[in-house]
């Protein structure tokens, strides 16, 4: 049985020392014939659980914005860096959604600190050829007709259920409905959950609303914020 590591909220975040070139290389490089790629790709929740058990390490998962991006990505990375500074790379696997966007930038931080990195993502990412982070060591595609979150009939979609199921602790840095649903499900399951406020990318949110013929948004904190930090 894996032991659960002590988990702490970090109220302040100092400056993050990360060379811009390394961050760009590990967080946004698309997978192509000449690009870096995950060391191995597999499929299915059973394979994921077996791999995690073989590692003999705790799984710390980051959730947040993906395509919506971050208004202040450096602040997001500073938060993630402080969290990673508090855990042991020899005893911890760092997980996220496998893709290169948004919260996927944490893979570069984890790689630099010597963590094994894990990606858990919907099979839609494979079907739609979504770029994966070149800084993730092992990716598991979960057969799913959604990107995750809570299903209309109740319960988590397969991808979210798989991520929450193998995680010992989850950290949310902002996030939309999928991140919200995963964090709430993890909390209900008695797992350690921490949440930090972060705005989605403002202009991208405005453009998305305009494309849908909707009013421009006034609140950019994401759906996870009121659920995890009510009244704040």
Foldseek 3Di string as FASTA:
>chain_A
DADFDDADQDPDFDFDDDPPVLLCLQQPDFDDPPHAAAQEEAEALVVVLVVLVVLSAAEEEEEADFVLAFQDLRVVLRNLLVRVVVDDQSRYEYEYAQARGHVSSSLSVCVVVNHQYEHQWACVCVVVVGGGGSSHHYYYHYHFPDGWAADPVGDITRRLCSVLVRHQEYEYEFHARRVQRSQVVNVVVVHHYYYHWTFGRQVSQQVVCVVVVHDRDDDRRYPNCCSVPNPD
